[in-house]
Protein backbone atom coordinates (compact mmCIF):
# COMPACT_ATOMS: atom_id res chain seq x y z
CA MET A 1 7.60 -10.14 9.32
CA ILE A 2 6.62 -6.54 8.82
CA LYS A 3 3.44 -4.91 7.62
CA ILE A 4 3.23 -2.12 5.09
CA ILE A 5 0.38 0.27 4.44
CA VAL A 6 -0.35 1.01 0.79
CA HIS A 7 -2.26 4.16 -0.22
CA ALA A 8 -3.82 4.41 -3.68
CA TYR A 9 -5.67 7.39 -5.11
CA VAL A 10 -6.23 9.46 -8.23
CA ASN A 11 -4.46 12.83 -8.20
CA CYS A 12 -5.66 16.13 -9.68
CA GLU A 13 -4.19 15.16 -13.08
CA ASN A 14 -6.28 11.95 -13.13
CA LYS A 15 -3.18 9.83 -12.61
CA ALA A 16 -3.40 6.77 -10.40
CA ILE A 17 -0.88 6.95 -7.57
CA VAL A 18 0.04 3.92 -5.45
CA GLU A 19 2.48 4.48 -2.63
CA VAL A 20 3.82 2.66 0.38
CA VAL A 21 3.21 5.13 3.19
CA PHE A 22 4.12 3.25 6.37
CA ALA A 23 5.90 0.12 7.56
CA SER A 24 6.21 -1.49 10.98
CA SER A 25 6.66 -4.84 12.67
CA ASP A 26 4.29 -3.73 15.45
CA GLU A 27 0.68 -4.68 14.64
CA SER A 28 -0.77 -2.18 17.12
CA ILE A 29 1.12 0.70 15.49
CA ILE A 30 -0.17 -0.43 12.07
CA SER A 31 -3.74 -0.40 13.42
CA ILE A 32 -3.33 3.10 14.81
CA LYS A 33 -1.79 4.38 11.59
CA MET A 34 -4.50 2.73 9.45
CA ALA A 35 -7.21 4.43 11.52
CA GLU A 36 -5.43 7.77 11.14
CA LEU A 37 -5.01 7.38 7.37
CA THR A 38 -8.59 6.13 6.88
CA SER A 39 -9.83 9.24 8.64
CA LYS A 40 -7.51 11.48 6.61
CA TYR A 41 -8.27 9.82 3.24
CA PRO A 42 -11.83 8.45 3.51
CA ASN A 43 -12.32 8.09 -0.26
CA ASP A 44 -8.96 6.50 -1.06
CA TYR A 45 -7.88 2.86 -1.09
CA LEU A 46 -5.79 1.85 1.92
CA ALA A 47 -4.54 -1.65 2.66
CA ALA A 48 -2.17 -3.25 5.13
CA TYR A 49 -0.11 -6.13 3.79
CA ASP A 50 1.98 -8.71 5.64
CA LEU A 51 5.46 -8.65 4.21
CA PRO A 52 7.74 -11.53 5.16
CA LEU A 53 11.40 -10.62 5.22
CA ASP A 54 13.96 -12.32 2.98
CA THR A 55 11.22 -13.69 0.70
CA ASP A 56 10.73 -13.44 -3.05
CA LEU A 57 7.27 -11.89 -2.90
CA THR A 58 6.41 -13.09 -6.40
CA THR A 59 6.36 -16.66 -5.06
CA LEU A 60 3.43 -15.83 -2.75
CA SER A 61 -0.22 -16.20 -3.80
CA HIS A 62 -0.87 -12.51 -3.06
CA TYR A 63 1.47 -9.60 -2.47
CA PRO A 64 1.36 -5.79 -2.82
CA SER A 65 1.15 -4.95 -6.51
CA VAL A 66 -0.42 -2.56 -8.96
CA GLU A 67 -1.23 -2.88 -12.64
CA ILE A 68 0.08 -0.19 -14.95
CA GLY A 69 0.12 0.09 -18.70
CA LYS A 70 2.97 0.77 -21.12
CA GLU A 71 1.60 4.29 -21.61
CA ASP A 72 2.42 5.02 -17.96
CA PHE A 73 6.10 4.97 -18.88
CA ASN A 74 5.82 7.66 -21.57
């Protein structure tokens, strides 16, 4: 199992950006990085997700995802 940190924010063009910014299998490193990112981006959304390896994530009850509209592809 690994953990990923997801960072979501609205950029200067009012576009929602969601990015995976860090991944590790070491929980203590994730904690340190989350504290660093929370301090750096206090108004943004940050979340750490457990990510099991070799798993179809869509079969889980909750997994990292973001909703976008068709207009986002234009």
